[in-house]
Structures are given as C-alpha cells and as structure tokens.
Amino acid sequence: MMKKWISLFILTVILLMTGCSNETEKSEMTSAGMLITDTISDQVWGTKGYKGMLKIQSEYGVDVFYKERINSQALAERAVDELAHKGVNLIFGHGMEYAEYFNKIAPDYPNIHFVSFNGDAKRKNTTSLKFEGHAMGFFGGMTAAHASKTDTIAVIATFQWQPEVKGFNDGALYVNPDAKVITEYVNNWDDTETALAVLDKAIAAGADVIYPAGDGYNVPVIEKVKEHNLRAIGYVSDQSDLGRDTVLTSTVQHVDRLYSLVAGQYAEGSLDSGNVSFDFADNVISLSPFGESIDPEFAAKMDKLIDDYKKTGQLPGQ
C-alpha cells in the first residue's frame, strides 16, 4: 500500500511540474521599447507608434522606452544594447528598415523578440508586421471614383510595392470603368517638394480627387488640394481635421491597436515569428467616417461592403 501511495505522490508531482512548465511557456513581457528612424512628433506614422507604446504601458503595466533617429545598423545595435540593459525584452522597430537590422542583431539577444514592419523577418525571435493595404486602397479608390466630377483621379504614392496603390486603381475602376487613374511615385516617404510637384501635374491633367499615399507628405498635399477646392483621400490617420469637405474619407492604419495586439500575443506566447499580415478583420485597418460631400446612400453602401469584406475576405466583384 505504501508503494502505491508513493507512486501516486510522484505522479502528482510530475503532473504539477508539467502544468507549471506549460504555464512558463508564456513570455513575461518585462518592458517594451521602440526604435524610430525619425521622430515621434511627426503627427502621423511616428506619433502613432508612440501612442502604441503608451497603449502597451497602460494595458500591460510595463515600462516603455523609445529612441529616435535610429537610422543605421550601427545605431540600431547600440540602441538595442541600451534597451537590453534596461531589461526590455520586446522591441519594435517602427519601419521596414528594421527587419534587416534585426535579422543581424537578433541572434545575439535570444531572450528579446524583435518586431518590425513591411520587411522580411528571418530569425526565430523576429517578426515583421504588414498592414494588408490592397483592400483599404480599393475602398479608397471606390470613394474617389464616386466623388470625381472629371472622371480623373490621382494616387501620389511613395513606392511601387505599396499594395494600396493597385487597390486604389482596382476600386476606382470597379466604380467607374471609364475613370482615368493617374499614378505617380515620389520614391521617398518625406520628399514633400517632389510630392507637391507631382500634385501640380495631376491637377493640370484634370484630377479632382487625390490620394497621397505617403505619411511624410500627405498633410501638405491635402492642404494644397484644399487651396484648389479639390478633394482628397487621407492616409494612415483620419485626416478629416484638414477639412471635412476636402477629405472624403481616410484609409486608417491603427498602429496603436496593432502594437497592443502584438504585445498581447507576445505575453500569451502566441506571437508568430516571420512575416505576419493584418487587415480589416483584425480591426487595425478602417475607413474613417465619410466627409460632408459624400452622399449618405453611398456611405451606407460602403459601410455594408466593408462589413461583408471583414466577414468573407471577398472584395466587391470577386
């Protein structure tokens, strides 16, 4: 009988230890950090990243840190080392440059998980996040084509790889097969001078709705669109504050929500390595409320189409 009790005791201990080991598979987030190539004060992309860090601090009760103007491999290595000494074990690189930086750094810090955007994460402790831009561009293009009086609209994009550019074209042509969509590339997120020069050409060609798909120059472009009494689709943030009559809607990327979502996945031990995409259904992409010049019937139709897309993953016409 004694042997049976001993065996039962040993089995119980093993089960308890197994349960404990499963529990510790969750990653305890000690604190979080963010690296950014420019500044958190740009009122668009950088500011959204900073708000995401504050959201993590508020929701998970951890310290957060950020370092600005980290725009080279050497600076990234130095910044990561400083954050590691502060006990940070979740680091966001707020841009596509950081995927490459982190691929080189990550093996030296196996207890830190590195998160970047729009790159190619190759290490087991790296993740690259991607906003699925095609659908948001599609709905933005639909809105632009519906509102255009000249049947000519324009997208002033940054790079050809941006999926929202093709989405904008596809959405515009779905609404109006005869629409002319002018597509130009600035090739730099922050080149306002080139973006404004391209805008002048688009206006001269008859474009009356503009989609500036670059967060470094979209505000001055929309301000100039407003001067010409034309219309715009906002980008990254809800830009209706630039004029509800000017801004028809905005394709919004809720970076702060995504930061919180990823932090939660990390804390739960469910954050995937590699390249991970997010879309409308994840509630991190949306269209902002429609402006005053959009008729209520079209707005209601768009709301239903977006809701259908979130449920089915199928865009109109697919």
Protein backbone atom coordinates (compact mmCIF):
# COMPACT_ATOMS: atom_id res chain seq x y z
CA MET A 1 0.00 0.00 0.00
CA MET A 2 2.86 2.35 0.86
CA LYS A 3 4.39 1.83 -2.59
CA LYS A 4 1.07 2.75 -4.23
CA TRP A 5 0.90 5.99 -2.22
CA ILE A 6 4.49 6.85 -3.16
CA SER A 7 3.78 6.17 -6.83
CA LEU A 8 0.65 8.33 -6.69
CA PHE A 9 2.60 11.12 -4.99
CA ILE A 10 5.33 11.01 -7.66
CA LEU A 11 2.73 11.06 -10.44
CA THR A 12 1.02 14.07 -8.87
CA VAL A 13 4.33 15.94 -8.63
CA ILE A 14 5.09 15.19 -12.28
CA LEU A 15 1.66 16.46 -13.36
CA LEU A 16 2.10 19.64 -11.31
CA MET A 17 5.54 20.22 -12.78
CA THR A 18 4.17 19.67 -16.28
CA GLY A 19 1.42 22.18 -15.63
CA CYS A 20 3.98 24.69 -14.37
CA SER A 21 6.20 24.18 -17.38
CA ASN A 22 3.26 24.80 -19.72
CA GLU A 23 2.47 27.99 -17.84
CA THR A 24 6.01 29.29 -18.19
CA GLU A 25 5.86 28.89 -21.96
CA LYS A 26 4.12 32.25 -21.88
CA SER A 27 6.58 35.11 -22.39
CA GLU A 28 6.65 37.52 -19.48
CA MET A 29 6.91 40.99 -21.00
CA THR A 30 9.23 42.82 -18.65
CA SER A 31 9.25 46.08 -20.62
CA ALA A 32 8.96 47.22 -24.23
CA GLY A 33 10.98 49.51 -26.46
CA MET A 34 10.63 51.23 -29.83
CA LEU A 35 13.23 52.44 -32.32
CA ILE A 36 12.25 55.00 -34.94
CA THR A 37 14.24 56.43 -37.84
CA ASP A 38 12.85 59.94 -37.44
CA THR A 39 10.73 61.37 -34.62
CA ILE A 40 7.60 60.60 -32.63
CA SER A 41 6.42 64.17 -33.22
CA ASP A 42 5.58 63.91 -36.94
CA GLN A 43 1.82 63.73 -36.19
CA VAL A 44 1.45 60.72 -38.49
CA TRP A 45 3.44 57.47 -38.53
CA GLY A 46 5.89 58.23 -35.73
CA THR A 47 3.23 59.66 -33.46
CA LYS A 48 1.07 56.58 -33.99
CA GLY A 49 3.97 54.35 -32.94
CA TYR A 50 4.46 56.40 -29.78
CA LYS A 51 0.75 56.14 -28.98
CA GLY A 52 1.08 52.39 -29.45
CA MET A 53 3.83 52.27 -26.84
CA LEU A 54 1.70 54.29 -24.41
CA LYS A 55 -1.14 51.84 -25.03
CA ILE A 56 1.16 48.95 -24.11
CA GLN A 57 2.24 50.77 -20.97
CA SER A 58 -1.36 51.41 -19.95
CA GLU A 59 -2.79 47.98 -20.77
CA TYR A 60 0.06 45.76 -19.57
CA GLY A 61 1.57 47.84 -16.77
CA VAL A 62 5.15 47.70 -18.06
CA ASP A 63 7.74 50.41 -18.60
CA VAL A 64 8.22 51.53 -22.20
CA PHE A 65 11.15 53.27 -23.86
CA TYR A 66 11.77 54.82 -27.27
CA LYS A 67 14.80 56.06 -29.17
CA GLU A 68 14.53 58.46 -32.11
CA ARG A 69 16.69 58.87 -35.24
CA ILE A 70 17.98 55.29 -35.20
CA ASN A 71 18.66 55.08 -38.92
CA SER A 72 21.66 52.78 -39.38
CA GLN A 73 22.81 49.30 -38.41
CA ALA A 74 25.40 50.69 -36.01
CA LEU A 75 22.89 52.97 -34.26
CA ALA A 76 20.38 50.11 -34.05
CA GLU A 77 22.97 47.82 -32.44
CA ARG A 78 23.86 50.47 -29.88
CA ALA A 79 20.20 51.22 -29.12
CA VAL A 80 19.29 47.54 -28.71
CA ASP A 81 22.19 47.05 -26.31
CA GLU A 82 20.99 50.01 -24.22
CA LEU A 83 17.43 48.69 -24.15
CA ALA A 84 18.62 45.19 -23.26
CA HIS A 85 20.44 46.63 -20.23
CA LYS A 86 17.15 48.25 -19.17
CA GLY A 87 15.51 44.82 -19.18
CA VAL A 88 13.49 45.30 -22.37
CA ASN A 89 12.50 42.01 -23.98
CA LEU A 90 10.10 43.22 -26.70
CA ILE A 91 11.49 45.75 -29.18
CA PHE A 92 9.56 47.36 -32.04
CA GLY A 93 11.45 48.80 -34.99
CA HIS A 94 8.99 51.35 -36.35
CA GLY A 95 9.71 50.90 -40.07
CA MET A 96 10.75 48.47 -42.78
CA GLU A 97 14.47 49.23 -42.34
CA TYR A 98 14.49 47.43 -39.02
CA ALA A 99 13.75 43.98 -40.44
CA GLU A 100 17.23 43.87 -41.91
CA TYR A 101 18.82 45.40 -38.82
CA PHE A 102 17.07 42.93 -36.52
CA ASN A 103 17.95 39.89 -38.63
CA LYS A 104 21.60 40.64 -37.88
CA ILE A 105 21.11 41.62 -34.23
CA ALA A 106 18.60 39.00 -33.06
CA PRO A 107 20.97 36.01 -32.63
CA ASP A 108 22.93 37.97 -30.02
CA TYR A 109 19.79 38.58 -27.94
CA PRO A 110 17.83 35.30 -27.86
CA ASN A 111 15.66 36.49 -24.95
CA ILE A 112 14.42 39.56 -26.83
CA HIS A 113 11.72 39.44 -29.51
CA PHE A 114 12.19 41.95 -32.33
CA VAL A 115 9.22 43.34 -34.28
CA SER A 116 9.44 45.41 -37.47
CA PHE A 117 7.17 46.46 -40.37
CA ASN A 118 6.92 45.51 -44.05
CA GLY A 119 10.20 43.60 -44.17
CA ASP A 120 11.38 40.00 -44.20
CA ALA A 121 11.89 38.60 -40.70
CA LYS A 122 14.27 35.63 -40.87
CA ARG A 123 15.13 34.76 -37.26
CA LYS A 124 13.10 32.75 -34.77
CA ASN A 125 12.87 35.77 -32.45
CA THR A 126 11.90 38.27 -35.16
CA THR A 127 8.51 39.19 -36.59
CA SER A 128 7.63 41.58 -39.41
CA LEU A 129 4.16 43.11 -39.39
CA LYS A 130 2.34 44.08 -42.55
CA PHE A 131 -0.83 46.07 -42.98
CA GLU A 132 -2.72 44.48 -45.88
CA GLY A 133 -3.11 47.65 -47.91
CA HIS A 134 -4.90 46.37 -51.01
CA ALA A 135 -8.39 46.42 -49.52
CA MET A 136 -8.05 49.83 -47.89
CA GLY A 137 -6.78 51.20 -51.21
CA PHE A 138 -9.70 49.51 -53.00
CA PHE A 139 -12.31 51.19 -50.80
CA GLY A 140 -10.45 54.49 -51.06
CA GLY A 141 -10.44 54.17 -54.86
CA MET A 142 -14.15 53.42 -54.88
CA THR A 143 -14.81 56.58 -52.89
CA ALA A 144 -12.55 58.70 -55.11
CA ALA A 145 -14.16 57.50 -58.33
CA HIS A 146 -17.66 58.02 -56.93
CA ALA A 147 -16.87 61.61 -55.92
CA SER A 148 -14.93 62.64 -59.04
CA LYS A 149 -16.61 65.11 -61.37
CA THR A 150 -13.91 64.88 -64.06
CA ASP A 151 -13.54 61.07 -64.10
CA THR A 152 -9.85 61.69 -63.40
CA ILE A 153 -8.28 60.90 -60.05
CA ALA A 154 -4.69 60.51 -58.86
CA VAL A 155 -2.68 58.49 -56.37
CA ILE A 156 0.62 60.04 -55.30
CA ALA A 157 2.40 57.01 -53.87
CA THR A 158 5.85 56.50 -52.43
CA PHE A 159 6.96 53.11 -53.75
CA GLN A 160 5.66 50.65 -56.33
CA TRP A 161 5.47 47.82 -53.78
CA GLN A 162 2.65 49.53 -51.87
CA PRO A 163 -0.40 47.25 -52.28
CA GLU A 164 -2.79 50.14 -51.64
CA VAL A 165 -1.78 51.62 -55.00
CA LYS A 166 -3.12 48.71 -57.05
CA GLY A 167 -6.06 48.52 -54.67
CA PHE A 168 -6.88 52.17 -55.34
CA ASN A 169 -6.77 51.59 -59.09
CA ASP A 170 -8.90 48.44 -58.86
CA GLY A 171 -11.51 50.10 -56.64
CA ALA A 172 -11.77 53.17 -58.84
CA LEU A 173 -12.28 51.10 -61.99
CA TYR A 174 -14.84 48.91 -60.24
CA VAL A 175 -16.99 52.00 -59.64
CA ASN A 176 -16.22 53.69 -62.95
CA PRO A 177 -14.60 51.60 -65.72
CA ASP A 178 -14.00 54.80 -67.67
CA ALA A 179 -12.11 56.52 -64.90
CA LYS A 180 -8.58 57.73 -65.55
CA VAL A 181 -6.28 56.97 -62.62
CA ILE A 182 -3.01 58.92 -62.63
CA THR A 183 -0.33 57.06 -60.64
CA GLU A 184 2.94 58.74 -59.69
CA TYR A 185 5.75 57.72 -57.31
CA VAL A 186 7.76 60.00 -55.04
CA ASN A 187 10.31 57.30 -54.02
CA ASN A 188 10.83 58.87 -50.61
CA TRP A 189 8.43 58.99 -47.68
CA ASP A 190 9.46 62.53 -46.76
CA ASP A 191 10.03 64.28 -50.12
CA THR A 192 7.33 66.92 -49.88
CA GLU A 193 8.80 69.02 -52.69
CA THR A 194 8.53 66.19 -55.22
CA ALA A 195 5.07 65.21 -53.98
CA LEU A 196 3.79 68.76 -54.46
CA ALA A 197 5.34 68.96 -57.93
CA VAL A 198 3.61 65.69 -58.86
CA LEU A 199 0.36 67.08 -57.44
CA ASP A 200 0.62 70.12 -59.74
CA LYS A 201 0.94 67.79 -62.75
CA ALA A 202 -2.04 65.72 -61.66
CA ILE A 203 -4.21 68.80 -61.18
CA ALA A 204 -3.15 70.12 -64.58
CA ALA A 205 -4.23 66.78 -66.07
CA GLY A 206 -7.70 67.21 -64.61
CA ALA A 207 -7.53 65.14 -61.42
CA ASP A 208 -10.05 66.37 -58.87
CA VAL A 209 -9.59 63.69 -56.16
CA ILE A 210 -6.09 62.95 -54.84
CA TYR A 211 -4.83 60.06 -52.69
CA PRO A 212 -1.41 60.96 -51.20
CA ALA A 213 -0.17 57.53 -50.10
CA GLY A 214 2.85 58.72 -48.16
CA ASP A 215 2.74 59.67 -44.50
CA GLY A 216 5.59 62.17 -44.72
CA TYR A 217 3.99 64.41 -47.34
CA ASN A 218 0.26 63.68 -47.20
CA VAL A 219 -0.60 66.64 -44.98
CA PRO A 220 0.97 69.35 -47.20
CA VAL A 221 -0.51 67.67 -50.28
CA ILE A 222 -4.00 67.73 -48.78
CA GLU A 223 -3.54 71.34 -47.71
CA LYS A 224 -2.70 72.29 -51.31
CA VAL A 225 -5.63 70.21 -52.59
CA LYS A 226 -7.84 72.25 -50.28
CA GLU A 227 -6.46 75.50 -51.71
CA HIS A 228 -7.60 74.35 -55.16
CA ASN A 229 -11.05 73.41 -53.81
CA LEU A 230 -10.50 69.79 -54.80
CA ARG A 231 -10.96 66.57 -52.80
CA ALA A 232 -8.62 64.07 -51.14
CA ILE A 233 -8.47 60.64 -49.53
CA GLY A 234 -6.48 60.74 -46.28
CA TYR A 235 -3.72 58.25 -45.50
CA VAL A 236 -2.65 56.41 -42.31
CA SER A 237 -4.59 58.74 -39.97
CA ASP A 238 -8.10 60.16 -40.03
CA GLN A 239 -7.28 63.48 -41.69
CA SER A 240 -10.75 64.99 -41.60
CA ASP A 241 -9.34 67.73 -39.35
CA LEU A 242 -7.81 69.17 -42.52
CA GLY A 243 -11.34 69.82 -43.78
CA ARG A 244 -14.40 67.58 -43.75
CA ASP A 245 -15.47 69.00 -47.10
CA THR A 246 -12.00 68.34 -48.57
CA VAL A 247 -11.22 64.91 -47.10
CA LEU A 248 -13.77 62.40 -48.39
CA THR A 249 -12.50 59.65 -46.06
CA SER A 250 -9.14 58.30 -44.89
CA THR A 251 -7.57 54.86 -45.12
CA VAL A 252 -6.59 54.48 -41.47
CA GLN A 253 -3.91 52.15 -40.13
CA HIS A 254 -4.46 51.80 -36.38
CA VAL A 255 -0.83 51.33 -35.40
CA ASP A 256 -1.57 51.79 -31.70
CA ARG A 257 -4.08 48.92 -31.78
CA LEU A 258 -1.60 46.71 -33.62
CA TYR A 259 1.12 47.42 -31.05
CA SER A 260 -1.24 46.40 -28.26
CA LEU A 261 -2.39 43.31 -30.17
CA VAL A 262 1.18 42.16 -30.79
CA ALA A 263 2.21 42.82 -27.18
CA GLY A 264 -0.72 40.71 -26.02
CA GLN A 265 0.27 37.87 -28.34
CA TYR A 266 3.83 38.03 -27.06
CA ALA A 267 2.67 37.93 -23.44
CA GLU A 268 0.47 34.93 -24.24
CA GLY A 269 3.28 33.14 -26.06
CA SER A 270 1.31 33.17 -29.34
CA LEU A 271 3.30 35.75 -31.34
CA ASP A 272 4.44 34.11 -34.57
CA SER A 273 7.91 34.52 -35.98
CA GLY A 274 8.31 35.52 -39.62
CA ASN A 275 6.07 37.78 -41.66
CA VAL A 276 2.54 38.34 -40.35
CA SER A 277 -0.29 40.27 -42.05
CA PHE A 278 -3.24 42.19 -40.61
CA ASP A 279 -6.37 43.54 -42.29
CA PHE A 280 -9.85 44.98 -41.68
CA ALA A 281 -11.00 41.84 -39.88
CA ASP A 282 -8.29 42.36 -37.25
CA ASN A 283 -9.71 45.83 -36.53
CA VAL A 284 -6.38 47.51 -37.24
CA ILE A 285 -7.43 48.96 -40.63
CA SER A 286 -10.53 51.01 -41.32
CA LEU A 287 -12.03 53.78 -43.38
CA SER A 288 -12.71 56.91 -41.35
CA PRO A 289 -16.22 58.46 -41.32
CA PHE A 290 -17.14 59.95 -44.68
CA GLY A 291 -16.91 63.67 -45.27
CA GLU A 292 -19.70 66.12 -45.89
CA SER A 293 -19.55 65.84 -49.68
CA ILE A 294 -20.27 62.08 -49.72
CA ASP A 295 -23.99 61.30 -50.06
CA PRO A 296 -25.48 59.16 -47.27
CA GLU A 297 -26.67 56.43 -49.66
CA PHE A 298 -23.13 55.78 -50.94
CA ALA A 299 -21.74 55.93 -47.39
CA ALA A 300 -24.24 53.30 -46.21
CA LYS A 301 -23.39 51.09 -49.18
CA MET A 302 -19.67 51.34 -48.41
CA ASP A 303 -20.21 50.50 -44.75
CA LYS A 304 -22.02 47.30 -45.79
CA LEU A 305 -19.33 46.36 -48.32
CA ILE A 306 -16.61 46.79 -45.73
CA ASP A 307 -18.57 44.75 -43.20
CA ASP A 308 -19.03 42.00 -45.82
CA TYR A 309 -15.29 42.06 -46.57
CA LYS A 310 -14.45 41.68 -42.88
CA LYS A 311 -16.71 38.61 -42.73
CA THR A 312 -15.81 36.95 -46.03
CA GLY A 313 -12.43 38.33 -47.14
CA GLN A 314 -14.01 38.99 -50.56
CA LEU A 315 -13.84 42.43 -52.15
CA PRO A 316 -16.67 43.67 -54.38
CA GLY A 317 -16.57 41.96 -57.77
CA GLN A 318 -14.54 38.97 -56.55
